[in-house]
Amino acid sequence: MSPVEVADGVLVATSAIDVTTSTLLLRGDETLLVDPAWRPSELEALADLLDERGLGVTAGFSTHAHHDHLLWHPRFGDVPRWASPRTAELVVTERTGLLEQMGPGWPDELLALFAQVTAVGGPRLPEAWAEVELVVHNGHAPGHTALWLPERGVLLAGDMLSDVELPLPFWPDDLPAYLGGLEALAPYVARAAVLVPGHGHPTSNPMSRLDADRRYLDDVLTRGDSADERIGNPDMADHHAHLQRLVLS
C-alpha cells in the first residue's frame, strides 16, 4: 500500500481490496485524509506513513455514505471528519446496515470510530482547508461529493469515473441522478490535470474516464448492452445486468 504522489502534495495509497484508494492531501506538515481504507492493517500502515513523515492529520473527509468510505483509525487523531449534509444524515439512519456490510472481525476501537462524520454544507471545506471545493451530487449515492483542488488541478472523484468499475447508480437506483452527477463533474474533469477515483487508478487523462462512462451509459440506454471492457472485472457483470434490468423497468 505504498502511496504514489500523483500531484504536488497529493498522495494516493491503494488497498488490496477492490482497488480502493485513500488520498492524503498535504500542506506543510498537515494532512487532509480522504476516504482512508480498507483493512485494519492498511489503516495502521497509513498511520505509520504519517508518523514516518512527521505529518499530522488535521481533518478527514468521507465522499459518501458507503461502508468502505467511512473508516478511521485512532492514530489519525480526534479531528474534524466532514461529509456532505446528506451523507451525514445517512450514516445515522443507515448505521445498522452499514455496520453489517463491514463484516465480522473488526476491532471494537475501529467500529467505535466508524462513520463519525459532521455535515459541512458550504461550497468549500471550512477552516484551513478552504482551498478545497466541494462538488455535491446524487450520482452513485445521495450526497456523493467530489473534491476539487483548483491550485493543484486535481479532482478526487469518489466512486465515479473509475477505470475498474462501471457506472454504479446504487440506491436509490436513480439513473437520472447518476447522469446528472456526471454532468456536475464534467466542468471539473475538463480542467483537471489528474483525476483520482475512489476505486481504480489515478489518471492524467481525466476526460477519457468521463467519455468512457458516458459511452457505456449511452450504449445501455440506446442498445440495451455494451462492449465496455470493465464488464469483465470482478462483480461488474452482475452490476451490468442490474443496470440493464433498471433500464428496462
C-alpha atoms as a PDB file:
ATOM      1  CA  MET A   1       0.000   0.000   0.000  1.00  0.00           C
ATOM      2  CA  SER A   2       2.905   2.357  -0.679  1.00  0.00           C
ATOM      3  CA  PRO A   3       1.468   5.741  -1.669  1.00  0.00           C
ATOM      4  CA  VAL A   4       2.142   7.386  -5.009  1.00  0.00           C
ATOM      5  CA  GLU A   5       2.436  11.166  -5.342  1.00  0.00           C
ATOM      6  CA  VAL A   6       0.109  11.934  -8.247  1.00  0.00           C
ATOM      7  CA  ALA A   7       0.471  15.714  -7.967  1.00  0.00           C
ATOM      8  CA  ASP A   8       2.302  18.129  -5.712  1.00  0.00           C
ATOM      9  CA  GLY A   9       1.349  17.157  -2.165  1.00  0.00           C
ATOM     10  CA  VAL A  10      -1.314  14.637  -3.213  1.00  0.00           C
ATOM     11  CA  LEU A  11      -0.513  11.067  -2.158  1.00  0.00           C
ATOM     12  CA  VAL A  12      -2.694   8.108  -3.158  1.00  0.00           C
ATOM     13  CA  ALA A  13      -2.479   4.717  -1.454  1.00  0.00           C
ATOM     14  CA  THR A  14      -4.304   1.728  -2.944  1.00  0.00           C
ATOM     15  CA  SER A  15      -5.838  -1.083  -0.923  1.00  0.00           C
ATOM     16  CA  ALA A  16      -5.646  -4.767  -1.799  1.00  0.00           C
ATOM     17  CA  ILE A  17      -9.462  -4.798  -1.608  1.00  0.00           C
ATOM     18  CA  ASP A  18     -11.458  -3.509  -4.590  1.00  0.00           C
ATOM     19  CA  VAL A  19      -8.591  -1.243  -5.724  1.00  0.00           C
ATOM     20  CA  THR A  20      -9.838   1.205  -3.084  1.00  0.00           C
ATOM     21  CA  THR A  21      -7.902   4.457  -2.826  1.00  0.00           C
ATOM     22  CA  SER A  22      -7.007   6.550   0.215  1.00  0.00           C
ATOM     23  CA  THR A  23      -5.879  10.088  -0.547  1.00  0.00           C
ATOM     24  CA  LEU A  24      -3.645  12.261   1.592  1.00  0.00           C
ATOM     25  CA  LEU A  25      -3.662  15.955   0.750  1.00  0.00           C
ATOM     26  CA  LEU A  26      -0.565  17.559   2.240  1.00  0.00           C
ATOM     27  CA  ARG A  27       0.137  21.160   3.100  1.00  0.00           C
ATOM     28  CA  GLY A  28       3.315  21.612   5.094  1.00  0.00           C
ATOM     29  CA  ASP A  29       3.128  19.098   7.934  1.00  0.00           C
ATOM     30  CA  GLU A  30      -0.688  18.993   7.879  1.00  0.00           C
ATOM     31  CA  THR A  31      -2.846  16.362   6.167  1.00  0.00           C
ATOM     32  CA  LEU A  32      -6.435  16.161   4.944  1.00  0.00           C
ATOM     33  CA  LEU A  33      -7.231  12.440   4.822  1.00  0.00           C
ATOM     34  CA  VAL A  34      -9.912  11.449   2.300  1.00  0.00           C
ATOM     35  CA  ASP A  35     -11.676   8.060   2.452  1.00  0.00           C
ATOM     36  CA  PRO A  36      -8.995   6.085   4.356  1.00  0.00           C
ATOM     37  CA  ALA A  37      -9.431   2.370   3.662  1.00  0.00           C
ATOM     38  CA  TRP A  38      -9.618  -0.582   3.933  1.00  0.00           C
ATOM     39  CA  ARG A  39      -8.209  -3.363   6.091  1.00  0.00           C
ATOM     40  CA  PRO A  40      -7.228  -2.600   9.706  1.00  0.00           C
ATOM     41  CA  SER A  41      -3.635  -3.363   8.753  1.00  0.00           C
ATOM     42  CA  GLU A  42      -3.829  -0.880   5.891  1.00  0.00           C
ATOM     43  CA  LEU A  43      -5.221   1.825   8.149  1.00  0.00           C
ATOM     44  CA  GLU A  44      -2.344   1.088  10.509  1.00  0.00           C
ATOM     45  CA  ALA A  45       0.091   1.390   7.594  1.00  0.00           C
ATOM     46  CA  LEU A  46      -1.334   4.812   6.735  1.00  0.00           C
ATOM     47  CA  ALA A  47      -0.791   5.880  10.352  1.00  0.00           C
ATOM     48  CA  ASP A  48       2.795   4.576  10.178  1.00  0.00           C
ATOM     49  CA  LEU A  49       3.370   6.570   6.994  1.00  0.00           C
ATOM     50  CA  LEU A  50       2.126   9.752   8.624  1.00  0.00           C
ATOM     51  CA  ASP A  51       4.377   9.204  11.628  1.00  0.00           C
ATOM     52  CA  GLU A  52       7.414   8.457   9.449  1.00  0.00           C
ATOM     53  CA  ARG A  53       6.935  11.687   7.526  1.00  0.00           C
ATOM     54  CA  GLY A  54       6.169  13.778  10.583  1.00  0.00           C
ATOM     55  CA  LEU A  55       2.681  14.564   9.326  1.00  0.00           C
ATOM     56  CA  GLY A  56      -0.391  15.264  11.413  1.00  0.00           C
ATOM     57  CA  VAL A  57      -3.975  14.705  10.301  1.00  0.00           C
ATOM     58  CA  THR A  58      -5.918  17.935  10.781  1.00  0.00           C
ATOM     59  CA  ALA A  59      -9.172  16.792   9.141  1.00  0.00           C
ATOM     60  CA  GLY A  60     -10.830  13.925   7.277  1.00  0.00           C
ATOM     61  CA  PHE A  61     -13.462  13.699   4.589  1.00  0.00           C
ATOM     62  CA  SER A  62     -15.849  10.924   3.517  1.00  0.00           C
ATOM     63  CA  THR A  63     -17.107  11.234  -0.038  1.00  0.00           C
ATOM     64  CA  HIS A  64     -20.310   9.268   0.518  1.00  0.00           C
ATOM     65  CA  ALA A  65     -22.259   7.005   2.852  1.00  0.00           C
ATOM     66  CA  HIS A  66     -20.951   3.592   1.808  1.00  0.00           C
ATOM     67  CA  HIS A  67     -19.214   1.486   4.421  1.00  0.00           C
ATOM     68  CA  ASP A  68     -15.810   1.386   2.721  1.00  0.00           C
ATOM     69  CA  HIS A  69     -15.592   5.193   2.737  1.00  0.00           C
ATOM     70  CA  LEU A  70     -16.399   5.783   6.395  1.00  0.00           C
ATOM     71  CA  LEU A  71     -13.398   4.238   8.129  1.00  0.00           C
ATOM     72  CA  TRP A  72     -10.985   5.795  10.596  1.00  0.00           C
ATOM     73  CA  HIS A  73      -8.170   4.845  12.972  1.00  0.00           C
ATOM     74  CA  PRO A  74      -7.476   6.244  16.449  1.00  0.00           C
ATOM     75  CA  ARG A  75      -3.925   7.121  15.403  1.00  0.00           C
ATOM     76  CA  PHE A  76      -5.319   9.599  12.875  1.00  0.00           C
ATOM     77  CA  GLY A  77      -6.492  11.645  15.831  1.00  0.00           C
ATOM     78  CA  ASP A  78      -9.671  13.211  17.142  1.00  0.00           C
ATOM     79  CA  VAL A  79     -10.053  15.771  14.375  1.00  0.00           C
ATOM     80  CA  PRO A  80     -12.990  17.052  12.309  1.00  0.00           C
ATOM     81  CA  ARG A  81     -14.295  14.453   9.871  1.00  0.00           C
ATOM     82  CA  TRP A  82     -16.510  16.073   7.291  1.00  0.00           C
ATOM     83  CA  ALA A  83     -19.079  14.915   4.759  1.00  0.00           C
ATOM     84  CA  SER A  84     -21.982  16.418   2.855  1.00  0.00           C
ATOM     85  CA  PRO A  85     -25.182  17.051   4.846  1.00  0.00           C
ATOM     86  CA  ARG A  86     -26.991  14.162   3.116  1.00  0.00           C
ATOM     87  CA  THR A  87     -24.105  11.798   3.813  1.00  0.00           C
ATOM     88  CA  ALA A  88     -24.085  12.838   7.466  1.00  0.00           C
ATOM     89  CA  GLU A  89     -27.815  12.080   7.656  1.00  0.00           C
ATOM     90  CA  LEU A  90     -27.489   8.679   6.014  1.00  0.00           C
ATOM     91  CA  VAL A  91     -24.711   7.436   8.299  1.00  0.00           C
ATOM     92  CA  VAL A  92     -27.143   7.897  11.184  1.00  0.00           C
ATOM     93  CA  THR A  93     -30.290   6.440   9.619  1.00  0.00           C
ATOM     94  CA  GLU A  94     -28.460   3.583   7.864  1.00  0.00           C
ATOM     95  CA  ARG A  95     -25.832   2.848  10.524  1.00  0.00           C
ATOM     96  CA  THR A  96     -27.020  -0.676  11.340  1.00  0.00           C
ATOM     97  CA  GLY A  97     -26.907  -1.787   7.712  1.00  0.00           C
ATOM     98  CA  LEU A  98     -23.566  -0.095   7.099  1.00  0.00           C
ATOM     99  CA  LEU A  99     -22.020  -1.904  10.064  1.00  0.00           C
ATOM    100  CA  GLU A 100     -23.388  -5.225   8.806  1.00  0.00           C
ATOM    101  CA  GLN A 101     -21.677  -4.619   5.482  1.00  0.00           C
ATOM    102  CA  MET A 102     -18.353  -4.255   7.286  1.00  0.00           C
ATOM    103  CA  GLY A 103     -18.422  -7.960   8.075  1.00  0.00           C
ATOM    104  CA  PRO A 104     -17.067  -9.756  11.148  1.00  0.00           C
ATOM    105  CA  GLY A 105     -13.728  -9.431  12.875  1.00  0.00           C
ATOM    106  CA  TRP A 106     -13.335  -5.674  13.074  1.00  0.00           C
ATOM    107  CA  PRO A 107     -11.659  -4.324  16.236  1.00  0.00           C
ATOM    108  CA  ASP A 108     -14.029  -2.533  18.576  1.00  0.00           C
ATOM    109  CA  GLU A 109     -11.806   0.561  18.579  1.00  0.00           C
ATOM    110  CA  LEU A 110     -12.277   0.927  14.814  1.00  0.00           C
ATOM    111  CA  LEU A 111     -16.009   0.238  14.886  1.00  0.00           C
ATOM    112  CA  ALA A 112     -16.387   2.953  17.515  1.00  0.00           C
ATOM    113  CA  LEU A 113     -14.906   5.468  15.061  1.00  0.00           C
ATOM    114  CA  PHE A 114     -16.866   4.233  12.057  1.00  0.00           C
ATOM    115  CA  ALA A 115     -18.926   6.894  10.228  1.00  0.00           C
ATOM    116  CA  GLN A 116     -18.398   9.605  12.833  1.00  0.00           C
ATOM    117  CA  VAL A 117     -18.744  12.448  10.338  1.00  0.00           C
ATOM    118  CA  THR A 118     -20.038  16.013  10.637  1.00  0.00           C
ATOM    119  CA  ALA A 119     -22.003  17.801   7.933  1.00  0.00           C
ATOM    120  CA  VAL A 120     -20.338  20.606   6.021  1.00  0.00           C
ATOM    121  CA  GLY A 121     -22.694  22.439   3.711  1.00  0.00           C
ATOM    122  CA  GLY A 122     -20.642  25.134   2.031  1.00  0.00           C
ATOM    123  CA  PRO A 123     -19.154  25.144  -1.448  1.00  0.00           C
ATOM    124  CA  ARG A 124     -15.731  24.770   0.167  1.00  0.00           C
ATOM    125  CA  LEU A 125     -14.295  22.995   3.167  1.00  0.00           C
ATOM    126  CA  PRO A 126     -14.077  25.076   6.336  1.00  0.00           C
ATOM    127  CA  GLU A 127     -11.117  26.371   8.270  1.00  0.00           C
ATOM    128  CA  ALA A 128      -7.624  25.850   6.928  1.00  0.00           C
ATOM    129  CA  TRP A 129      -8.792  23.637   4.045  1.00  0.00           C
ATOM    130  CA  ALA A 130     -10.974  26.266   2.388  1.00  0.00           C
ATOM    131  CA  GLU A 131      -8.948  25.860  -0.816  1.00  0.00           C
ATOM    132  CA  VAL A 132     -10.854  22.594  -1.427  1.00  0.00           C
ATOM    133  CA  GLU A 133     -14.080  22.985  -3.397  1.00  0.00           C
ATOM    134  CA  LEU A 134     -16.941  20.518  -2.901  1.00  0.00           C
ATOM    135  CA  VAL A 135     -18.929  19.153  -5.845  1.00  0.00           C
ATOM    136  CA  VAL A 136     -22.047  17.564  -4.348  1.00  0.00           C
ATOM    137  CA  HIS A 137     -24.452  15.478  -6.433  1.00  0.00           C
ATOM    138  CA  ASN A 138     -26.597  12.349  -6.119  1.00  0.00           C
ATOM    139  CA  GLY A 139     -24.838  10.051  -8.576  1.00  0.00           C
ATOM    140  CA  HIS A 140     -23.825   6.671  -7.068  1.00  0.00           C
ATOM    141  CA  ALA A 141     -25.132   7.721  -3.642  1.00  0.00           C
ATOM    142  CA  PRO A 142     -27.227  10.575  -2.253  1.00  0.00           C
ATOM    143  CA  GLY A 143     -24.985  13.459  -1.261  1.00  0.00           C
ATOM    144  CA  HIS A 144     -21.969  11.999  -3.056  1.00  0.00           C
ATOM    145  CA  THR A 145     -19.143  14.532  -3.028  1.00  0.00           C
ATOM    146  CA  ALA A 146     -16.097  15.069  -5.206  1.00  0.00           C
ATOM    147  CA  LEU A 147     -13.251  17.279  -4.010  1.00  0.00           C
ATOM    148  CA  TRP A 148     -11.750  19.766  -6.454  1.00  0.00           C
ATOM    149  CA  LEU A 149      -8.274  21.125  -5.736  1.00  0.00           C
ATOM    150  CA  PRO A 150      -8.006  24.051  -8.163  1.00  0.00           C
ATOM    151  CA  GLU A 151      -4.500  25.099  -7.147  1.00  0.00           C
ATOM    152  CA  ARG A 152      -3.206  21.583  -7.856  1.00  0.00           C
ATOM    153  CA  GLY A 153      -5.503  20.680 -10.761  1.00  0.00           C
ATOM    154  CA  VAL A 154      -6.668  17.507  -9.017  1.00  0.00           C
ATOM    155  CA  LEU A 155     -10.180  16.061  -8.841  1.00  0.00           C
ATOM    156  CA  LEU A 156     -10.916  13.443  -6.185  1.00  0.00           C
ATOM    157  CA  ALA A 157     -13.972  11.851  -7.766  1.00  0.00           C
ATOM    158  CA  GLY A 158     -15.141   9.432  -5.075  1.00  0.00           C
ATOM    159  CA  ASP A 159     -16.866   6.386  -6.581  1.00  0.00           C
ATOM    160  CA  MET A 160     -17.282   7.931 -10.017  1.00  0.00           C
ATOM    161  CA  LEU A 161     -15.123   7.878 -13.160  1.00  0.00           C
ATOM    162  CA  SER A 162     -13.342   4.618 -12.380  1.00  0.00           C
ATOM    163  CA  ASP A 163     -11.254   2.566 -14.766  1.00  0.00           C
ATOM    164  CA  VAL A 164     -12.158  -0.689 -12.961  1.00  0.00           C
ATOM    165  CA  GLU A 165     -15.814  -0.139 -12.032  1.00  0.00           C
ATOM    166  CA  LEU A 166     -18.758   0.566 -14.281  1.00  0.00           C
ATOM    167  CA  PRO A 167     -21.047   3.496 -13.515  1.00  0.00           C
ATOM    168  CA  LEU A 168     -22.960   2.276 -10.474  1.00  0.00           C
ATOM    169  CA  PRO A 169     -26.248   4.068  -9.758  1.00  0.00           C
ATOM    170  CA  PHE A 170     -26.674   2.410  -6.382  1.00  0.00           C
ATOM    171  CA  TRP A 171     -29.582   3.034  -4.033  1.00  0.00           C
ATOM    172  CA  PRO A 172     -31.903   4.651  -4.804  1.00  0.00           C
ATOM    173  CA  ASP A 173     -31.127   3.245  -8.296  1.00  0.00           C
ATOM    174  CA  ASP A 174     -31.655   6.707  -9.705  1.00  0.00           C
ATOM    175  CA  LEU A 175     -30.170   6.642 -13.194  1.00  0.00           C
ATOM    176  CA  PRO A 176     -31.163  10.267 -13.979  1.00  0.00           C
ATOM    177  CA  ALA A 177     -29.345  11.336 -10.808  1.00  0.00           C
ATOM    178  CA  TYR A 178     -26.258   9.432 -11.951  1.00  0.00           C
ATOM    179  CA  LEU A 179     -26.331  11.137 -15.333  1.00  0.00           C
ATOM    180  CA  GLY A 180     -26.765  14.429 -13.508  1.00  0.00           C
ATOM    181  CA  GLY A 181     -23.736  13.596 -11.380  1.00  0.00           C
ATOM    182  CA  LEU A 182     -21.594  13.099 -14.461  1.00  0.00           C
ATOM    183  CA  GLU A 183     -22.734  16.467 -15.805  1.00  0.00           C
ATOM    184  CA  ALA A 184     -21.948  18.134 -12.474  1.00  0.00           C
ATOM    185  CA  LEU A 185     -18.440  16.707 -12.604  1.00  0.00           C
ATOM    186  CA  ALA A 186     -17.841  17.475 -16.292  1.00  0.00           C
ATOM    187  CA  PRO A 187     -16.564  21.087 -15.900  1.00  0.00           C
ATOM    188  CA  TYR A 188     -14.055  19.978 -13.276  1.00  0.00           C
ATOM    189  CA  VAL A 189     -12.942  16.987 -15.316  1.00  0.00           C
ATOM    190  CA  ALA A 190     -12.277  19.340 -18.227  1.00  0.00           C
ATOM    191  CA  ARG A 191      -9.983  21.464 -16.044  1.00  0.00           C
ATOM    192  CA  ALA A 192      -8.276  18.649 -14.141  1.00  0.00           C
ATOM    193  CA  ALA A 193      -4.715  17.543 -14.790  1.00  0.00           C
ATOM    194  CA  VAL A 194      -5.166  14.485 -12.537  1.00  0.00           C
ATOM    195  CA  LEU A 195      -8.246  12.512 -11.532  1.00  0.00           C
ATOM    196  CA  VAL A 196      -8.307  10.129  -8.572  1.00  0.00           C
ATOM    197  CA  PRO A 197     -11.223   7.653  -8.379  1.00  0.00           C
ATOM    198  CA  GLY A 198     -12.346   6.002  -5.165  1.00  0.00           C
ATOM    199  CA  HIS A 199     -11.750   2.607  -6.789  1.00  0.00           C
ATOM    200  CA  GLY A 200      -9.181   2.267  -9.535  1.00  0.00           C
ATOM    201  CA  HIS A 201      -6.116   4.108 -10.719  1.00  0.00           C
ATOM    202  CA  PRO A 202      -5.360   7.825 -10.897  1.00  0.00           C
ATOM    203  CA  THR A 203      -5.115   9.198 -14.423  1.00  0.00           C
ATOM    204  CA  SER A 204      -3.577  12.195 -16.165  1.00  0.00           C
ATOM    205  CA  ASN A 205      -6.265  11.889 -18.854  1.00  0.00           C
ATOM    206  CA  PRO A 206      -9.465  12.611 -16.914  1.00  0.00           C
ATOM    207  CA  MET A 207     -11.618  13.214 -20.000  1.00  0.00           C
ATOM    208  CA  SER A 208     -11.090   9.622 -21.096  1.00  0.00           C
ATOM    209  CA  ARG A 209     -12.876   8.456 -17.906  1.00  0.00           C
ATOM    210  CA  LEU A 210     -15.839  10.767 -18.468  1.00  0.00           C
ATOM    211  CA  ASP A 211     -16.072   9.761 -22.112  1.00  0.00           C
ATOM    212  CA  ALA A 212     -15.987   6.051 -21.191  1.00  0.00           C
ATOM    213  CA  ASP A 213     -18.810   6.397 -18.649  1.00  0.00           C
ATOM    214  CA  ARG A 214     -20.962   8.445 -20.982  1.00  0.00           C
ATOM    215  CA  ARG A 215     -20.409   5.942 -23.789  1.00  0.00           C
ATOM    216  CA  TYR A 216     -21.244   2.972 -21.577  1.00  0.00           C
ATOM    217  CA  LEU A 217     -24.460   4.519 -20.291  1.00  0.00           C
ATOM    218  CA  ASP A 218     -25.488   5.674 -23.752  1.00  0.00           C
ATOM    219  CA  ASP A 219     -24.929   2.160 -25.113  1.00  0.00           C
ATOM    220  CA  VAL A 220     -27.069   0.570 -22.405  1.00  0.00           C
ATOM    221  CA  LEU A 221     -29.795   3.178 -22.740  1.00  0.00           C
ATOM    222  CA  THR A 222     -29.975   3.042 -26.544  1.00  0.00           C
ATOM    223  CA  ARG A 223     -28.988  -0.554 -27.359  1.00  0.00           C
ATOM    224  CA  GLY A 224     -29.539  -2.356 -24.085  1.00  0.00           C
ATOM    225  CA  ASP A 225     -25.945  -3.608 -23.956  1.00  0.00           C
ATOM    226  CA  SER A 226     -22.311  -2.509 -24.075  1.00  0.00           C
ATOM    227  CA  ALA A 227     -18.906  -3.871 -25.019  1.00  0.00           C
ATOM    228  CA  ASP A 228     -17.198  -1.977 -22.183  1.00  0.00           C
ATOM    229  CA  GLU A 229     -14.181  -3.993 -21.023  1.00  0.00           C
ATOM    230  CA  ARG A 230     -14.937  -3.222 -17.379  1.00  0.00           C
ATOM    231  CA  ILE A 231     -17.865  -5.652 -17.520  1.00  0.00           C
ATOM    232  CA  GLY A 232     -15.273  -8.423 -17.255  1.00  0.00           C
ATOM    233  CA  ASN A 233     -13.881  -7.134 -13.949  1.00  0.00           C
ATOM    234  CA  PRO A 234     -14.877  -8.771 -10.639  1.00  0.00           C
ATOM    235  CA  ASP A 235     -18.578  -8.274  -9.784  1.00  0.00           C
ATOM    236  CA  MET A 236     -19.142  -5.953 -12.739  1.00  0.00           C
ATOM    237  CA  ALA A 237     -21.130  -8.450 -14.851  1.00  0.00           C
ATOM    238  CA  ASP A 238     -23.772  -8.548 -12.114  1.00  0.00           C
ATOM    239  CA  HIS A 239     -23.858  -4.763 -11.929  1.00  0.00           C
ATOM    240  CA  HIS A 240     -24.151  -4.558 -15.718  1.00  0.00           C
ATOM    241  CA  ALA A 241     -27.100  -6.955 -15.677  1.00  0.00           C
ATOM    242  CA  HIS A 242     -28.687  -4.926 -12.881  1.00  0.00           C
ATOM    243  CA  LEU A 243     -28.400  -1.746 -14.931  1.00  0.00           C
ATOM    244  CA  GLN A 244     -29.930  -3.499 -17.928  1.00  0.00           C
ATOM    245  CA  ARG A 245     -32.922  -4.500 -15.789  1.00  0.00           C
ATOM    246  CA  LEU A 246     -33.147  -0.986 -14.407  1.00  0.00           C
ATOM    247  CA  VAL A 247     -33.282   0.484 -17.913  1.00  0.00           C
ATOM    248  CA  LEU A 248     -35.995  -1.933 -18.947  1.00  0.00           C
ATOM    249  CA  SER A 249     -38.154  -1.415 -15.883  1.00  0.00           C
END
